[in-house]
C-alpha atoms as a PDB file:
ATOM      1  CA  UNK A   1      -0.055  -0.024  -0.058  1.00  0.00           C
ATOM      2  CA  UNK A   2       1.398   3.375  -1.004  1.00  0.00           C
ATOM      3  CA  UNK A   3       0.739   6.554   0.918  1.00  0.00           C
ATOM      4  CA  UNK A   4      -0.091   9.810  -0.632  1.00  0.00           C
ATOM      5  CA  UNK A   5       1.957  12.702   0.777  1.00  0.00           C
ATOM      6  CA  UNK A   6       0.069  15.666   2.103  1.00  0.00           C
ATOM      7  CA  UNK A   7       0.722  18.659  -0.021  1.00  0.00           C
ATOM      8  CA  UNK A   8       1.062  22.156   1.460  1.00  0.00           C
ATOM      9  CA  UNK A   9      -1.724  24.497   0.791  1.00  0.00           C
ATOM     10  CA  UNK A  10      -1.405  26.613  -2.419  1.00  0.00           C
ATOM     11  CA  UNK A  11       0.305  30.007  -1.950  1.00  0.00           C
ATOM     12  CA  UNK A  12      -1.650  33.106  -2.352  1.00  0.00           C
ATOM     13  CA  UNK A  13      -0.885  35.037  -5.544  1.00  0.00           C
ATOM     14  CA  UNK A  14       1.033  38.095  -4.740  1.00  0.00           C
ATOM     15  CA  UNK A  15      -0.694  41.370  -5.862  1.00  0.00           C
ATOM     16  CA  UNK A  16       0.774  43.246  -8.661  1.00  0.00           C
ATOM     17  CA  UNK A  17       2.934  46.318  -7.822  1.00  0.00           C
ATOM     18  CA  UNK A  18       0.935  49.628  -7.900  1.00  0.00           C
ATOM     19  CA  UNK A  19       2.703  50.977 -10.964  1.00  0.00           C
ATOM     20  CA  UNK A  20       1.774  47.878 -12.963  1.00  0.00           C
ATOM     21  CA  UNK A  21      -1.854  48.079 -11.878  1.00  0.00           C
ATOM     22  CA  UNK A  22      -1.907  51.744 -12.866  1.00  0.00           C
ATOM     23  CA  UNK A  23      -0.468  51.072 -16.272  1.00  0.00           C
ATOM     24  CA  UNK A  24      -2.987  48.296 -16.838  1.00  0.00           C
ATOM     25  CA  UNK A  25      -5.855  50.571 -15.945  1.00  0.00           C
ATOM     26  CA  UNK A  26      -4.504  53.342 -18.110  1.00  0.00           C
ATOM     27  CA  UNK A  27      -3.934  51.000 -21.066  1.00  0.00           C
ATOM     28  CA  UNK A  28      -7.494  49.613 -20.696  1.00  0.00           C
ATOM     29  CA  UNK A  29      -8.937  53.088 -20.599  1.00  0.00           C
ATOM     30  CA  UNK A  30      -6.902  54.087 -23.659  1.00  0.00           C
ATOM     31  CA  UNK A  31      -8.030  50.996 -25.581  1.00  0.00           C
ATOM     32  CA  UNK A  32     -11.692  51.641 -24.719  1.00  0.00           C
ATOM     33  CA  UNK A  33     -11.393  55.177 -25.935  1.00  0.00           C
ATOM     34  CA  UNK A  34      -9.824  54.054 -29.180  1.00  0.00           C
ATOM     35  CA  UNK A  35     -12.593  51.459 -29.597  1.00  0.00           C
ATOM     36  CA  UNK A  36     -15.272  54.117 -29.115  1.00  0.00           C
ATOM     37  CA  UNK A  37     -13.532  56.355 -31.667  1.00  0.00           C
ATOM     38  CA  UNK A  38     -13.274  53.535 -34.176  1.00  0.00           C
ATOM     39  CA  UNK A  39     -16.938  52.723 -33.695  1.00  0.00           C
ATOM     40  CA  UNK A  40     -17.897  56.224 -34.495  1.00  0.00           C
ATOM     41  CA  UNK A  41     -15.651  56.255 -37.553  1.00  0.00           C
ATOM     42  CA  UNK A  42     -17.170  52.935 -38.763  1.00  0.00           C
ATOM     43  CA  UNK A  43     -20.619  54.535 -38.292  1.00  0.00           C
ATOM     44  CA  UNK A  44     -19.668  57.714 -40.187  1.00  0.00           C
ATOM     45  CA  UNK A  45     -18.133  55.616 -42.983  1.00  0.00           C
ATOM     46  CA  UNK A  46     -21.333  53.544 -43.341  1.00  0.00           C
ATOM     47  CA  UNK A  47     -19.305  50.292 -43.328  1.00  0.00           C
ATOM     48  CA  UNK A  48     -21.600  48.503 -40.974  1.00  0.00           C
ATOM     49  CA  UNK A  49     -25.005  49.885 -42.054  1.00  0.00           C
ATOM     50  CA  UNK A  50     -27.859  47.408 -41.862  1.00  0.00           C
ATOM     51  CA  UNK A  51     -28.784  45.751 -45.136  1.00  0.00           C
ATOM     52  CA  UNK A  52     -32.257  44.718 -46.192  1.00  0.00           C
ATOM     53  CA  UNK A  53     -31.217  41.029 -46.076  1.00  0.00           C
ATOM     54  CA  UNK A  54     -33.056  40.590 -42.741  1.00  0.00           C
ATOM     55  CA  UNK A  55     -35.968  42.836 -43.545  1.00  0.00           C
ATOM     56  CA  UNK A  56     -34.494  46.015 -42.221  1.00  0.00           C
ATOM     57  CA  UNK A  57     -36.384  48.083 -39.736  1.00  0.00           C
ATOM     58  CA  UNK A  58     -35.630  49.660 -36.441  1.00  0.00           C
ATOM     59  CA  UNK A  59     -34.543  46.415 -34.748  1.00  0.00           C
ATOM     60  CA  UNK A  60     -31.863  45.800 -37.312  1.00  0.00           C
ATOM     61  CA  UNK A  61     -30.631  49.363 -37.023  1.00  0.00           C
ATOM     62  CA  UNK A  62     -30.329  49.025 -33.243  1.00  0.00           C
ATOM     63  CA  UNK A  63     -28.533  45.746 -33.316  1.00  0.00           C
ATOM     64  CA  UNK A  64     -26.069  46.853 -36.034  1.00  0.00           C
ATOM     65  CA  UNK A  65     -24.572  49.164 -33.361  1.00  0.00           C
ATOM     66  CA  UNK A  66     -23.645  46.110 -31.354  1.00  0.00           C
ATOM     67  CA  UNK A  67     -21.808  44.621 -34.275  1.00  0.00           C
ATOM     68  CA  UNK A  68     -20.049  47.926 -34.979  1.00  0.00           C
ATOM     69  CA  UNK A  69     -18.966  48.164 -31.316  1.00  0.00           C
ATOM     70  CA  UNK A  70     -17.706  44.559 -31.249  1.00  0.00           C
ATOM     71  CA  UNK A  71     -15.749  45.118 -34.452  1.00  0.00           C
ATOM     72  CA  UNK A  72     -14.236  48.339 -33.126  1.00  0.00           C
ATOM     73  CA  UNK A  73     -13.236  46.591 -29.850  1.00  0.00           C
ATOM     74  CA  UNK A  74     -11.427  43.790 -31.775  1.00  0.00           C
ATOM     75  CA  UNK A  75      -9.754  46.416 -33.955  1.00  0.00           C
ATOM     76  CA  UNK A  76      -8.488  48.280 -30.927  1.00  0.00           C
ATOM     77  CA  UNK A  77      -7.429  45.068 -29.177  1.00  0.00           C
ATOM     78  CA  UNK A  78      -5.286  44.020 -32.205  1.00  0.00           C
ATOM     79  CA  UNK A  79      -3.452  47.270 -32.409  1.00  0.00           C
ATOM     80  CA  UNK A  80      -6.015  49.496 -33.974  1.00  0.00           C
ATOM     81  CA  UNK A  81      -4.667  52.709 -35.470  1.00  0.00           C
ATOM     82  CA  UNK A  82      -2.177  53.509 -32.724  1.00  0.00           C
ATOM     83  CA  UNK A  83      -4.495  55.937 -30.925  1.00  0.00           C
ATOM     84  CA  UNK A  84      -4.615  53.852 -27.791  1.00  0.00           C
ATOM     85  CA  UNK A  85      -0.815  53.686 -27.436  1.00  0.00           C
ATOM     86  CA  UNK A  86      -0.602  57.484 -27.920  1.00  0.00           C
ATOM     87  CA  UNK A  87      -3.333  58.058 -25.334  1.00  0.00           C
ATOM     88  CA  UNK A  88      -1.717  55.673 -22.984  1.00  0.00           C
ATOM     89  CA  UNK A  89       1.673  57.422 -23.171  1.00  0.00           C
ATOM     90  CA  UNK A  90       0.093  60.865 -22.734  1.00  0.00           C
ATOM     91  CA  UNK A  91      -1.949  59.729 -19.723  1.00  0.00           C
ATOM     92  CA  UNK A  92       1.099  57.980 -18.154  1.00  0.00           C
ATOM     93  CA  UNK A  93       3.157  61.144 -18.448  1.00  0.00           C
ATOM     94  CA  UNK A  94       0.318  63.193 -17.010  1.00  0.00           C
ATOM     95  CA  UNK A  95      -0.230  60.789 -14.117  1.00  0.00           C
ATOM     96  CA  UNK A  96       3.493  60.763 -13.319  1.00  0.00           C
ATOM     97  CA  UNK A  97       3.599  64.557 -13.235  1.00  0.00           C
ATOM     98  CA  UNK A  98       6.003  64.924 -16.091  1.00  0.00           C
END
């Protein structure tokens, strides 16, 4: 008969340093702002306008905004147009008092 050793309890994950948490929050905010900007640009360009393939109407117009926002978020997440990085750097300088 073999015995199973008793394992020590798992260690608690150490919290991230404050400066990393701040950078993460700033980067997220910058990325959200870029996604909002891209969504508005897609709307103005008419690239995600509803088609008559589903019958059109108000419902299709309203739900097309969800598609446009999802596309803009993915664009921003994959690098976007560089706006998020520029905003992040500007906010970081401003936060650090420089």
